[in-house]
Amino acid sequence: MPGAMNRPVGRRTVVLAATAGAVGAALGRPAHAAGFGYTDDGAHYVVDTGAQLVFKVAKSTGDLTSLVYRGTEYQGYGGQNSHIESGLGASTVSIRQSGSTILISVTHGTLKHYYAARSGENNVYLWTHKADTSVSATRYIVRVKKGAFLNDEPDSYTYAPTTIEASDVFRKSDGQTRSKHYSKRRVMDYDHVGWSAGGVGLWMVRSNHEKASGGPFYRSLLRHQSADGGGLYEILYYGQNQTEPQRFGLQGPYVIAFTDGGAPSSALYPGTLTTPWADSLGIAGYVPASGRGEVAGVGISGRNTAYPYTVAIANPSAQYWGAARSSDGYFSLSGVLPGTYTLTVFKGELAVHTTSVSVSAGGTTTLNTIAIPSSNDPSTAGAIWRIGDWNGTPGGFKNADLMTYAHPSDARAASWTGNVVVGSGETAAFPCYLWKDVNSGVLVYFRLTAAQAAAAHTLRIGVTTAYANGRPQVTVNDTWTSPIPAPPTQPDTRSLTNGSYRGNNHTFTYSVPASAWRADTSQYNVLRIDVVSGSGASGFLSAGTAIDAIDLLA
């Protein structure tokens, strides 16, 4: 573990003290640990960090073939190494030592990958530079030996032998489901992922994801366990339910970190790690702190303080995000590559404001208070009734929380069918997902006053993603049926069954004529919502969509 290091916080710099069990001095100038160095055994470069960690990198492929910590081998299951994607194959691999840093460089076509070790640290630093699509490199996977760590978490299928979808979703004997896709967490919700057992922790500390895609709310593969062992991932580009094109350039550093069982030092967390010791290493695409800038906003007005707000900036080359302060909306995004970005303010996960911002190297772009017009937040519209709220997520709807870490067929899921009565716990009763082949035709019962029934109204249905072009068509009182709406742009992979509702938020609007309503105020009006699409398979893989909110405007 590292010692103290400089960590930028907003526009200040503080010093973090070394964590318990840390070895060595500050990352800027670590003490030279006994045993630090490397050897060449003919087939591998063997690196000793001088801190009880020894690792090997194959000279022919750049694979990480051994991770020995405190004398125990942790790398490898099923005869496979740790590597980029499923292994690069024949590559050019070189090594050099510069003072207290050892750097291994791997070149395979246009792809360049790096491993770095620092004297006295139990960490392996990694960078991956992908220049184009000629070389596949969408992940780095640390393959961990069978039995080293055991868990029965959502993203594990060690104890789930029955395959229920594709070859990656499984069911246990008690009806609970498991899959490596079920991470539960959005990118912005985690800094590291791993395991801890027997006084040893093995972690993958993620990078800041500036060259990844999908934004702060994206969910991707983080780890898995099977009968053969486990895997820890840094996802460079994940195609499942992806909303953005792939970005190219240098991703990293991300870190394989060993600890005495606790979480890795906060000094390693994404967005806080400064690596001045790497500035002169010649890493392709590397931009030091001096070549980066900052965006700061003094506040955000017009917020609904019941919700967290996130500010994100993105362009085709990079992405960054950060939380707006709950008291006034202040935000600061540091370590930003120079360029012009689209800045988006999110209420929950719903975009409520966009603008453009430019960042220069070594400069801070300061923004005045961002005012969010009330018209940008659908929740401010007057409604006769509303099911859920407009926050860009299906949160609060039936089964919504479970679906981030389970298959819809999971035994813990409440029935996906059933009618809904406005005024009687309608949000909790309404299913978070609708499928053409599972629960299409949900009925919503509600009453109108005489004045309301005498007027035309707009019905809105907000969705967060869709599978196989699933979209809602509505019928009112079996007398009026809406046209079939055009499908919005959505990802074309699985989503609803592998733990993700995140796609492109879209609002469908329906102009319901006054003639559709029942004039008798003692009677319920009945809204039927069907899922329509000409594609999709059957069951939970039929055309479907995830619900954000439904309301009838006054």
Protein backbone atom coordinates (compact mmCIF):
# COMPACT_ATOMS: atom_id res chain seq x y z
CA MET A 1 0.00 0.00 0.00
CA PRO A 2 1.22 3.52 -0.66
CA GLY A 3 2.31 6.04 1.85
CA ALA A 4 1.16 9.65 1.95
CA MET A 5 0.46 11.35 -1.34
CA ASN A 6 -0.89 14.60 -2.68
CA ARG A 7 -4.60 14.40 -3.39
CA PRO A 8 -6.43 17.26 -5.13
CA VAL A 9 -9.76 18.17 -3.56
CA GLY A 10 -11.60 20.82 -5.52
CA ARG A 11 -9.03 23.57 -5.97
CA ARG A 12 -6.98 22.69 -2.90
CA THR A 13 -4.41 20.01 -2.17
CA VAL A 14 -4.33 18.01 1.02
CA VAL A 15 -2.02 15.25 2.19
CA LEU A 16 -3.42 11.84 3.01
CA ALA A 17 -1.68 9.93 5.73
CA ALA A 18 -0.53 6.40 4.98
CA THR A 19 -3.06 3.70 5.77
CA ALA A 20 -2.44 1.02 8.32
CA GLY A 21 -0.02 -1.56 7.02
CA ALA A 22 1.30 0.75 4.33
CA VAL A 23 4.87 0.19 3.27
CA GLY A 24 7.26 2.85 2.02
CA ALA A 25 7.21 6.62 2.02
CA ALA A 26 5.30 9.10 -0.13
CA LEU A 27 4.44 8.04 -3.67
CA GLY A 28 6.34 11.05 -4.93
CA ARG A 29 9.68 9.78 -3.49
CA PRO A 30 9.19 6.33 -1.93
CA ALA A 31 11.98 4.81 0.10
CA HIS A 32 13.86 2.09 -1.75
CA ALA A 33 12.50 -1.15 -0.29
CA ALA A 34 14.78 -4.11 0.31
CA GLY A 35 14.49 -6.56 -2.57
CA PHE A 36 12.98 -4.07 -5.01
CA GLY A 37 13.99 -4.78 -8.58
CA TYR A 38 13.47 -7.18 -11.46
CA THR A 39 15.01 -10.24 -13.02
CA ASP A 40 14.67 -12.04 -16.34
CA ASP A 41 14.07 -15.78 -16.10
CA GLY A 42 14.12 -16.20 -19.87
CA ALA A 43 10.35 -16.39 -20.35
CA HIS A 44 9.22 -13.68 -17.94
CA TYR A 45 10.16 -10.41 -16.38
CA VAL A 46 9.94 -11.02 -12.64
CA VAL A 47 9.27 -7.89 -10.56
CA ASP A 48 9.74 -7.73 -6.79
CA THR A 49 8.15 -4.61 -5.29
CA GLY A 50 10.05 -5.09 -2.04
CA ALA A 51 6.70 -5.14 -0.23
CA GLN A 52 5.78 -8.85 -0.24
CA LEU A 53 4.45 -8.70 -3.81
CA VAL A 54 6.19 -10.45 -6.70
CA PHE A 55 4.62 -10.60 -10.16
CA LYS A 56 5.61 -11.99 -13.54
CA VAL A 57 4.87 -10.74 -17.05
CA ALA A 58 5.38 -13.03 -20.06
CA LYS A 59 8.00 -11.63 -22.43
CA SER A 60 6.22 -13.09 -25.47
CA THR A 61 2.62 -11.94 -24.82
CA GLY A 62 2.52 -9.35 -22.05
CA ASP A 63 0.24 -11.59 -19.99
CA LEU A 64 0.43 -11.32 -16.21
CA THR A 65 1.27 -14.92 -15.33
CA SER A 66 1.90 -14.74 -11.59
CA LEU A 67 0.79 -12.65 -8.59
CA VAL A 68 2.49 -13.86 -5.43
CA TYR A 69 1.63 -11.95 -2.26
CA ARG A 70 3.11 -12.98 1.10
CA GLY A 71 4.31 -16.17 -0.54
CA THR A 72 0.87 -17.20 -1.88
CA GLU A 73 0.04 -17.37 -5.58
CA TYR A 74 -3.26 -15.67 -6.43
CA GLN A 75 -3.15 -15.49 -10.21
CA GLY A 76 -4.81 -17.88 -12.58
CA TYR A 77 -7.76 -20.16 -13.01
CA GLY A 78 -8.51 -22.72 -15.66
CA GLY A 79 -4.94 -22.42 -16.92
CA GLN A 80 -5.53 -18.81 -18.02
CA ASN A 81 -3.45 -15.72 -17.33
CA SER A 82 -4.46 -12.17 -16.43
CA HIS A 83 -4.43 -9.94 -19.49
CA ILE A 84 -6.06 -7.49 -21.85
CA GLU A 85 -9.25 -8.93 -23.35
CA SER A 86 -8.62 -12.69 -23.74
CA GLY A 87 -4.90 -12.23 -24.30
CA LEU A 88 -3.03 -10.34 -26.99
CA GLY A 89 -0.87 -13.15 -28.28
CA ALA A 90 2.56 -12.40 -29.75
CA SER A 91 3.67 -8.96 -28.56
CA THR A 92 6.80 -6.90 -28.07
CA VAL A 93 7.57 -6.61 -24.37
CA SER A 94 10.29 -4.53 -22.75
CA ILE A 95 11.25 -3.44 -19.24
CA ARG A 96 13.24 -0.64 -17.66
CA GLN A 97 13.87 0.71 -14.19
CA SER A 98 14.02 4.41 -13.40
CA GLY A 99 14.92 4.97 -9.77
CA SER A 100 12.06 3.67 -7.66
CA THR A 101 9.81 2.78 -10.62
CA ILE A 102 9.82 -0.25 -12.90
CA LEU A 103 7.85 -0.01 -16.14
CA ILE A 104 6.97 -2.92 -18.42
CA SER A 105 5.77 -1.90 -21.90
CA VAL A 106 3.71 -4.18 -24.14
CA THR A 107 3.08 -3.42 -27.80
CA HIS A 108 0.66 -5.37 -29.98
CA GLY A 109 -0.10 -3.65 -33.27
CA THR A 110 -1.53 -0.23 -32.43
CA LEU A 111 -2.25 -1.25 -28.83
CA LYS A 112 0.14 -0.33 -26.03
CA HIS A 113 -0.21 -1.64 -22.50
CA TYR A 114 1.86 -0.89 -19.41
CA TYR A 115 2.56 -2.36 -15.97
CA ALA A 116 4.34 -0.26 -13.35
CA ALA A 117 5.67 -1.11 -9.90
CA ARG A 118 6.81 1.27 -7.19
CA SER A 119 9.34 0.44 -4.54
CA GLY A 120 7.69 -0.53 -1.27
CA GLU A 121 4.12 -0.78 -2.60
CA ASN A 122 1.78 -3.74 -2.92
CA ASN A 123 0.29 -2.33 -6.12
CA VAL A 124 0.53 -2.99 -9.83
CA TYR A 125 -0.32 0.12 -11.85
CA LEU A 126 -1.75 -0.42 -15.32
CA TRP A 127 -2.41 1.76 -18.35
CA THR A 128 -3.89 0.74 -21.69
CA HIS A 129 -3.65 2.86 -24.83
CA LYS A 130 -6.08 1.87 -27.55
CA ALA A 131 -5.71 3.94 -30.70
CA ASP A 132 -8.35 2.35 -32.94
CA THR A 133 -10.48 -0.75 -33.49
CA SER A 134 -7.74 -2.78 -35.18
CA VAL A 135 -6.91 -4.43 -31.84
CA SER A 136 -9.62 -5.67 -29.50
CA ALA A 137 -9.11 -4.29 -26.01
CA THR A 138 -12.30 -3.71 -24.07
CA ARG A 139 -11.23 -4.95 -20.66
CA TYR A 140 -8.42 -6.03 -18.41
CA ILE A 141 -9.18 -9.12 -16.34
CA VAL A 142 -7.30 -10.32 -13.27
CA ARG A 143 -7.89 -14.05 -13.10
CA VAL A 144 -7.86 -15.28 -9.50
CA LYS A 145 -7.25 -18.85 -8.38
CA LYS A 146 -10.10 -21.09 -7.36
CA GLY A 147 -10.66 -21.04 -3.61
CA ALA A 148 -8.62 -17.92 -2.93
CA PHE A 149 -11.80 -15.98 -2.17
CA LEU A 150 -15.38 -17.23 -1.99
CA ASN A 151 -18.59 -15.26 -2.12
CA ASP A 152 -22.24 -15.69 -2.97
CA GLU A 153 -22.91 -12.19 -4.18
CA PRO A 154 -25.14 -11.15 -7.10
CA ASP A 155 -22.15 -11.02 -9.46
CA SER A 156 -21.16 -14.59 -8.65
CA TYR A 157 -22.38 -17.83 -10.09
CA THR A 158 -20.29 -20.22 -8.00
CA TYR A 159 -23.42 -21.60 -6.38
CA ALA A 160 -25.84 -21.22 -9.28
CA PRO A 161 -25.50 -24.23 -11.55
CA THR A 162 -28.66 -23.86 -13.67
CA THR A 163 -28.31 -21.71 -16.80
CA ILE A 164 -31.47 -19.70 -17.51
CA GLU A 165 -30.35 -17.19 -20.15
CA ALA A 166 -27.58 -17.26 -22.73
CA SER A 167 -24.50 -18.68 -21.01
CA ASP A 168 -24.14 -16.01 -18.34
CA VAL A 169 -27.28 -15.90 -16.16
CA PHE A 170 -27.83 -18.66 -13.61
CA ARG A 171 -30.34 -19.81 -11.02
CA LYS A 172 -29.66 -21.29 -7.59
CA SER A 173 -31.77 -24.05 -6.08
CA ASP A 174 -33.61 -21.49 -3.93
CA GLY A 175 -34.68 -19.54 -7.02
CA GLN A 176 -32.25 -16.66 -6.61
CA THR A 177 -30.34 -15.66 -9.72
CA ARG A 178 -26.66 -14.87 -10.27
CA SER A 179 -24.66 -13.39 -13.12
CA LYS A 180 -21.35 -11.66 -13.62
CA HIS A 181 -23.43 -8.75 -15.02
CA TYR A 182 -25.20 -8.11 -11.71
CA SER A 183 -22.85 -5.57 -10.16
CA LYS A 184 -25.60 -3.49 -8.47
CA ARG A 185 -23.40 -0.41 -8.88
CA ARG A 186 -23.15 2.45 -11.34
CA VAL A 187 -19.68 3.64 -12.33
CA MET A 188 -19.98 6.68 -10.07
CA ASP A 189 -20.87 4.47 -7.09
CA TYR A 190 -17.63 2.53 -6.76
CA ASP A 191 -13.91 3.22 -6.59
CA HIS A 192 -12.71 -0.33 -6.21
CA VAL A 193 -14.02 -3.88 -6.38
CA GLY A 194 -12.57 -7.11 -5.08
CA TRP A 195 -12.49 -9.62 -2.27
CA SER A 196 -11.13 -9.99 1.23
CA ALA A 197 -10.44 -13.18 3.20
CA GLY A 198 -7.89 -14.46 5.69
CA GLY A 199 -6.28 -11.09 6.27
CA VAL A 200 -5.68 -10.46 2.56
CA GLY A 201 -7.60 -8.18 0.24
CA LEU A 202 -7.24 -8.21 -3.54
CA TRP A 203 -8.79 -5.25 -5.33
CA MET A 204 -9.12 -3.66 -8.72
CA VAL A 205 -9.09 0.11 -8.26
CA ARG A 206 -10.78 1.68 -11.26
CA SER A 207 -9.41 4.56 -13.29
CA ASN A 208 -11.32 7.81 -13.72
CA HIS A 209 -12.84 6.31 -16.90
CA GLU A 210 -12.13 9.43 -18.93
CA LYS A 211 -11.73 7.28 -22.04
CA ALA A 212 -14.59 4.88 -21.22
CA SER A 213 -18.17 5.39 -22.43
CA GLY A 214 -21.63 5.55 -20.93
CA GLY A 215 -21.35 8.33 -18.38
CA PRO A 216 -21.63 8.31 -14.57
CA PHE A 217 -24.71 6.10 -14.32
CA TYR A 218 -23.47 3.29 -16.52
CA ARG A 219 -23.40 -0.26 -15.17
CA SER A 220 -20.83 -2.74 -16.40
CA LEU A 221 -19.13 -5.99 -15.54
CA LEU A 222 -16.98 -5.64 -12.39
CA ARG A 223 -16.13 -9.11 -11.14
CA HIS A 224 -17.31 -12.69 -11.17
CA GLN A 225 -16.78 -16.04 -9.53
CA SER A 226 -17.34 -19.43 -11.10
CA ALA A 227 -16.43 -22.98 -10.25
CA ASP A 228 -12.96 -22.35 -11.74
CA GLY A 229 -12.04 -19.15 -9.92
CA GLY A 230 -12.72 -15.43 -10.00
CA GLY A 231 -12.18 -12.40 -12.15
CA LEU A 232 -11.71 -8.71 -11.43
CA TYR A 233 -12.28 -6.29 -14.30
CA GLU A 234 -11.40 -2.84 -15.48
CA ILE A 235 -13.79 -2.29 -18.37
CA LEU A 236 -12.31 -0.12 -21.10
CA TYR A 237 -15.43 -0.33 -23.26
CA TYR A 238 -18.52 -2.40 -22.43
CA GLY A 239 -20.98 -3.07 -25.20
CA GLN A 240 -23.95 -4.17 -23.08
CA ASN A 241 -26.69 -1.50 -23.13
CA GLN A 242 -24.11 1.07 -24.25
CA THR A 243 -25.34 4.56 -25.10
CA GLU A 244 -22.14 6.07 -26.52
CA PRO A 245 -19.52 5.28 -29.15
CA GLN A 246 -16.17 3.95 -28.07
CA ARG A 247 -13.52 6.46 -27.05
CA PHE A 248 -9.85 5.98 -27.84
CA GLY A 249 -6.65 6.95 -26.10
CA LEU A 250 -5.00 6.17 -22.78
CA GLN A 251 -7.06 4.55 -20.04
CA GLY A 252 -5.55 4.56 -16.59
CA PRO A 253 -3.97 4.23 -14.27
CA TYR A 254 -6.05 1.45 -12.82
CA VAL A 255 -4.50 -0.54 -10.03
CA ILE A 256 -4.27 -4.13 -8.82
CA ALA A 257 -3.89 -3.59 -5.09
CA PHE A 258 -3.18 -6.03 -2.26
CA THR A 259 -4.03 -5.05 1.32
CA ASP A 260 -4.17 -6.62 4.77
CA GLY A 261 -7.88 -7.22 4.17
CA GLY A 262 -9.22 -3.69 4.27
CA ALA A 263 -10.20 -1.43 1.41
CA PRO A 264 -7.40 0.06 -0.66
CA SER A 265 -5.99 3.43 0.30
CA SER A 266 -8.20 6.32 -0.73
CA ALA A 267 -5.09 7.78 -2.36
CA LEU A 268 -5.63 5.28 -5.18
CA TYR A 269 -9.21 6.23 -5.93
CA PRO A 270 -10.08 7.52 -9.41
CA GLY A 271 -9.82 11.22 -9.95
CA THR A 272 -7.61 11.65 -6.86
CA LEU A 273 -4.52 9.74 -7.98
CA THR A 274 -1.74 12.03 -9.11
CA THR A 275 1.20 10.27 -10.71
CA PRO A 276 4.03 12.78 -11.12
CA TRP A 277 6.41 9.85 -10.91
CA ALA A 278 4.91 8.64 -14.23
CA ASP A 279 5.23 11.95 -16.06
CA SER A 280 8.59 11.08 -17.62
CA LEU A 281 8.02 7.39 -18.32
CA GLY A 282 7.04 7.90 -21.97
CA ILE A 283 3.60 6.28 -21.70
CA ALA A 284 1.66 6.76 -24.95
CA GLY A 285 -1.10 9.35 -24.61
CA TYR A 286 -0.12 10.28 -21.07
CA VAL A 287 -1.08 13.83 -20.06
CA PRO A 288 0.38 15.15 -16.78
CA ALA A 289 -1.48 17.38 -14.36
CA SER A 290 0.09 20.46 -15.94
CA GLY A 291 -1.63 19.62 -19.24
CA ARG A 292 -5.08 19.42 -17.69
CA GLY A 293 -7.65 21.94 -16.50
CA GLU A 294 -10.66 22.31 -14.25
CA VAL A 295 -14.34 23.26 -14.46
CA ALA A 296 -15.99 24.78 -11.38
CA GLY A 297 -19.53 26.03 -10.91
CA VAL A 298 -20.55 28.34 -8.08
CA GLY A 299 -23.99 26.75 -7.81
CA ILE A 300 -27.18 25.44 -9.41
CA SER A 301 -30.54 27.10 -8.84
CA GLY A 302 -33.94 25.64 -9.57
CA ARG A 303 -33.05 22.28 -8.07
CA ASN A 304 -35.45 19.86 -6.41
CA THR A 305 -33.50 19.29 -3.21
CA ALA A 306 -35.14 15.92 -2.66
CA TYR A 307 -32.80 14.55 -5.34
CA PRO A 308 -29.04 14.41 -5.80
CA TYR A 309 -27.67 16.35 -8.76
CA THR A 310 -24.72 15.30 -10.87
CA VAL A 311 -22.76 17.42 -13.32
CA ALA A 312 -21.07 15.66 -16.23
CA ILE A 313 -19.05 16.88 -19.18
CA ALA A 314 -18.35 14.83 -22.27
CA ASN A 315 -17.11 15.02 -25.84
CA PRO A 316 -16.00 12.32 -28.30
CA SER A 317 -12.59 12.14 -26.63
CA ALA A 318 -13.27 12.17 -22.88
CA GLN A 319 -15.87 12.18 -20.09
CA TYR A 320 -15.89 13.40 -16.47
CA TRP A 321 -18.47 13.86 -13.74
CA GLY A 322 -18.96 14.89 -10.15
CA ALA A 323 -21.67 15.43 -7.55
CA ALA A 324 -23.17 18.87 -7.06
CA ARG A 325 -23.11 19.99 -3.43
CA SER A 326 -26.50 19.43 -1.85
CA SER A 327 -26.61 22.82 -0.12
CA ASP A 328 -26.09 25.05 -3.14
CA GLY A 329 -25.15 22.99 -6.20
CA TYR A 330 -21.45 23.87 -6.20
CA PHE A 331 -19.36 21.47 -8.28
CA SER A 332 -15.76 21.05 -9.38
CA LEU A 333 -14.32 18.73 -12.03
CA SER A 334 -10.53 18.58 -12.07
CA GLY A 335 -7.94 16.74 -14.17
CA VAL A 336 -9.86 17.51 -17.37
CA LEU A 337 -8.19 17.23 -20.77
CA PRO A 338 -8.29 20.48 -22.79
CA GLY A 339 -11.22 20.79 -25.19
CA THR A 340 -14.83 21.82 -25.63
CA TYR A 341 -17.43 19.71 -23.84
CA THR A 342 -21.17 19.39 -23.47
CA LEU A 343 -22.01 20.00 -19.82
CA THR A 344 -25.12 18.23 -18.53
CA VAL A 345 -26.85 18.66 -15.20
CA PHE A 346 -28.75 15.59 -14.02
CA LYS A 347 -31.55 15.45 -11.47
CA GLY A 348 -31.11 11.89 -10.33
CA GLU A 349 -30.34 10.41 -13.75
CA LEU A 350 -32.56 12.74 -15.77
CA ALA A 351 -30.86 15.46 -17.82
CA VAL A 352 -32.44 18.81 -16.94
CA HIS A 353 -29.90 21.25 -18.38
CA THR A 354 -27.16 21.27 -21.02
CA THR A 355 -24.64 23.86 -22.10
CA SER A 356 -21.17 24.06 -23.63
CA VAL A 357 -17.95 24.60 -21.72
CA SER A 358 -14.31 24.89 -22.80
CA VAL A 359 -11.31 23.79 -20.77
CA SER A 360 -7.69 24.86 -21.22
CA ALA A 361 -4.51 23.31 -19.88
CA GLY A 362 -3.55 24.71 -16.51
CA GLY A 363 -6.69 26.84 -16.28
CA THR A 364 -9.94 26.83 -14.34
CA THR A 365 -13.18 27.57 -16.17
CA THR A 366 -15.49 29.12 -13.60
CA LEU A 367 -19.21 29.12 -14.32
CA ASN A 368 -21.77 31.43 -12.77
CA THR A 369 -24.84 29.92 -11.10
CA ILE A 370 -26.61 27.59 -13.51
CA ALA A 371 -30.34 28.27 -13.50
CA ILE A 372 -32.51 25.28 -14.40
CA PRO A 373 -35.78 26.46 -16.00
CA SER A 374 -38.80 24.80 -14.43
CA SER A 375 -39.87 23.67 -17.89
CA ASN A 376 -36.75 21.47 -18.06
CA ASP A 377 -38.00 19.31 -15.19
CA PRO A 378 -41.14 17.35 -16.14
CA SER A 379 -42.06 17.07 -12.46
CA THR A 380 -42.99 20.76 -12.34
CA ALA A 381 -45.89 20.31 -14.76
CA GLY A 382 -49.29 20.28 -13.07
CA ALA A 383 -50.75 16.77 -13.10
CA ILE A 384 -54.12 15.23 -12.28
CA TRP A 385 -52.17 12.21 -11.15
CA ARG A 386 -48.62 10.93 -11.41
CA ILE A 387 -47.15 7.47 -10.94
CA GLY A 388 -43.50 7.61 -9.92
CA ASP A 389 -41.46 10.76 -10.40
CA TRP A 390 -39.32 12.13 -13.18
CA ASN A 391 -35.77 11.31 -12.12
CA GLY A 392 -34.48 9.18 -15.00
CA THR A 393 -34.78 5.88 -13.10
CA PRO A 394 -37.50 3.32 -12.35
CA GLY A 395 -36.83 3.80 -8.64
CA GLY A 396 -39.90 3.27 -6.47
CA PHE A 397 -41.69 1.04 -8.96
CA LYS A 398 -42.34 -2.63 -8.23
CA ASN A 399 -39.14 -4.74 -8.35
CA ALA A 400 -36.98 -1.76 -9.33
CA ASP A 401 -34.28 -2.19 -6.68
CA LEU A 402 -34.03 -5.95 -7.22
CA MET A 403 -33.54 -5.61 -10.97
CA THR A 404 -30.08 -4.07 -10.60
CA TYR A 405 -28.78 -7.38 -9.24
CA ALA A 406 -31.17 -10.12 -10.32
CA HIS A 407 -32.94 -11.62 -13.32
CA PRO A 408 -36.66 -10.79 -13.67
CA SER A 409 -37.45 -14.47 -13.05
CA ASP A 410 -35.77 -14.36 -9.63
CA ALA A 411 -37.83 -15.90 -6.84
CA ARG A 412 -37.60 -12.67 -4.86
CA ALA A 413 -39.45 -10.67 -7.54
CA ALA A 414 -43.07 -9.73 -6.92
CA SER A 415 -45.57 -10.68 -9.60
CA TRP A 416 -44.99 -8.73 -12.79
CA THR A 417 -48.73 -8.60 -13.48
CA GLY A 418 -51.58 -6.90 -11.62
CA ASN A 419 -53.71 -3.81 -11.97
CA VAL A 420 -53.02 -0.39 -10.46
CA VAL A 421 -55.41 2.03 -8.75
CA VAL A 422 -54.38 5.67 -8.52
CA GLY A 423 -54.53 6.75 -4.90
CA SER A 424 -53.79 3.27 -3.53
CA GLY A 425 -49.98 2.91 -3.56
CA GLU A 426 -49.90 3.10 -7.33
CA THR A 427 -46.13 3.55 -7.73
CA ALA A 428 -45.19 0.51 -5.66
CA ALA A 429 -47.86 -1.51 -7.47
CA PHE A 430 -46.76 -0.57 -10.99
CA PRO A 431 -44.05 -2.84 -12.46
CA CYS A 432 -40.73 -1.15 -13.22
CA TYR A 433 -40.47 -3.05 -16.52
CA LEU A 434 -43.07 -3.93 -19.12
CA TRP A 435 -42.64 -6.73 -21.66
CA LYS A 436 -44.75 -7.61 -24.66
CA ASP A 437 -44.77 -11.30 -23.70
CA VAL A 438 -44.97 -11.00 -19.89
CA ASN A 439 -47.16 -8.17 -18.60
CA SER A 440 -48.30 -6.08 -21.53
CA GLY A 441 -51.78 -4.68 -20.93
CA VAL A 442 -51.33 -3.30 -17.41
CA LEU A 443 -54.52 -1.51 -16.34
CA VAL A 444 -54.50 1.78 -14.45
CA TYR A 445 -57.78 2.85 -12.76
CA PHE A 446 -58.45 6.48 -11.89
CA ARG A 447 -61.33 8.93 -11.43
CA LEU A 448 -61.82 12.37 -12.95
CA THR A 449 -63.95 15.26 -11.88
CA ALA A 450 -66.67 16.48 -14.23
CA ALA A 451 -64.51 19.42 -15.30
CA GLN A 452 -61.52 17.17 -15.95
CA ALA A 453 -63.60 14.69 -17.93
CA ALA A 454 -64.88 17.49 -20.14
CA ALA A 455 -61.42 18.39 -21.43
CA ALA A 456 -58.68 16.84 -23.52
CA HIS A 457 -55.48 15.95 -21.63
CA THR A 458 -51.91 14.98 -22.35
CA LEU A 459 -50.70 11.63 -21.05
CA ARG A 460 -46.94 11.19 -20.64
CA ILE A 461 -44.94 7.98 -20.22
CA GLY A 462 -41.24 8.36 -19.53
CA VAL A 463 -38.88 5.43 -20.17
CA THR A 464 -35.20 4.92 -19.38
CA THR A 465 -34.36 2.25 -21.94
CA ALA A 466 -36.00 -0.30 -24.19
CA TYR A 467 -35.18 -3.73 -25.54
CA ALA A 468 -36.03 -4.77 -29.11
CA ASN A 469 -37.83 -1.47 -29.80
CA GLY A 470 -40.42 -2.04 -27.10
CA ARG A 471 -42.57 1.06 -26.61
CA PRO A 472 -45.95 1.80 -25.05
CA GLN A 473 -49.26 2.13 -26.88
CA VAL A 474 -52.21 3.23 -24.76
CA THR A 475 -55.95 2.63 -24.81
CA VAL A 476 -58.48 4.62 -22.73
CA ASN A 477 -61.75 3.01 -21.66
CA ASP A 478 -61.64 0.69 -24.67
CA THR A 479 -62.90 3.61 -26.78
CA TRP A 480 -59.74 5.43 -27.83
CA THR A 481 -56.37 3.93 -28.79
CA SER A 482 -53.27 5.94 -29.49
CA PRO A 483 -51.24 5.55 -32.64
CA ILE A 484 -48.17 3.32 -32.28
CA PRO A 485 -45.29 5.70 -31.46
CA ALA A 486 -42.01 5.57 -33.30
CA PRO A 487 -39.22 3.84 -31.35
CA PRO A 488 -36.61 6.18 -29.90
CA THR A 489 -32.91 5.44 -30.23
CA GLN A 490 -31.91 2.88 -27.63
CA PRO A 491 -29.09 0.34 -27.18
CA ASP A 492 -29.59 -2.83 -29.18
CA THR A 493 -28.32 -5.35 -26.62
CA ARG A 494 -29.85 -6.99 -23.58
CA SER A 495 -30.57 -4.63 -20.71
CA LEU A 496 -33.61 -5.48 -18.60
CA THR A 497 -32.35 -9.01 -17.91
CA ASN A 498 -28.74 -8.22 -17.07
CA GLY A 499 -29.08 -5.62 -14.37
CA SER A 500 -29.37 -2.37 -16.31
CA TYR A 501 -32.22 0.06 -16.90
CA ARG A 502 -29.83 2.72 -18.20
CA GLY A 503 -30.38 3.67 -21.83
CA ASN A 504 -31.60 6.92 -23.35
CA ASN A 505 -34.34 8.64 -21.36
CA HIS A 506 -37.32 9.37 -23.58
CA THR A 507 -40.83 10.74 -23.03
CA PHE A 508 -43.81 9.51 -25.02
CA THR A 509 -46.75 11.92 -25.15
CA TYR A 510 -50.33 11.07 -26.05
CA SER A 511 -53.08 13.63 -26.75
CA VAL A 512 -56.22 12.05 -25.31
CA PRO A 513 -59.46 13.68 -26.54
CA ALA A 514 -62.23 14.61 -24.14
CA SER A 515 -64.48 12.05 -25.83
CA ALA A 516 -62.33 9.25 -24.41
CA TRP A 517 -63.18 9.99 -20.76
CA ARG A 518 -66.17 8.70 -18.80
CA ALA A 519 -68.53 11.53 -17.88
CA ASP A 520 -69.90 9.63 -14.87
CA THR A 521 -67.57 10.72 -12.07
CA SER A 522 -68.57 7.71 -9.96
CA GLN A 523 -66.91 5.41 -12.48
CA TYR A 524 -63.25 4.67 -12.90
CA ASN A 525 -61.51 5.54 -16.11
CA VAL A 526 -59.30 2.71 -17.29
CA LEU A 527 -55.95 3.20 -18.99
CA ARG A 528 -54.38 0.14 -20.62
CA ILE A 529 -50.68 0.22 -21.47
CA ASP A 530 -49.47 -2.29 -24.04
CA VAL A 531 -45.94 -2.91 -25.25
CA VAL A 532 -45.69 -3.02 -29.02
CA SER A 533 -42.85 -4.08 -31.26
CA GLY A 534 -42.27 -6.34 -34.21
CA SER A 535 -39.03 -7.73 -32.82
CA GLY A 536 -37.76 -9.52 -29.74
CA ALA A 537 -37.91 -13.13 -28.65
CA SER A 538 -40.20 -14.55 -25.97
CA GLY A 539 -40.69 -14.17 -22.25
CA PHE A 540 -38.28 -11.75 -20.59
CA LEU A 541 -36.40 -11.40 -23.87
CA SER A 542 -39.48 -10.13 -25.67
CA ALA A 543 -39.70 -6.44 -26.51
CA GLY A 544 -39.76 -4.43 -23.30
CA THR A 545 -39.14 -1.09 -21.68
CA ALA A 546 -38.25 0.42 -18.29
CA ILE A 547 -40.54 3.06 -16.75
CA ASP A 548 -39.43 6.41 -15.34
CA ALA A 549 -42.81 8.07 -14.68
CA ILE A 550 -46.39 8.19 -15.95
CA ASP A 551 -48.70 11.16 -15.53
CA LEU A 552 -51.90 12.75 -16.80
CA LEU A 553 -51.46 16.48 -17.10
CA ALA A 554 -54.06 18.91 -15.83
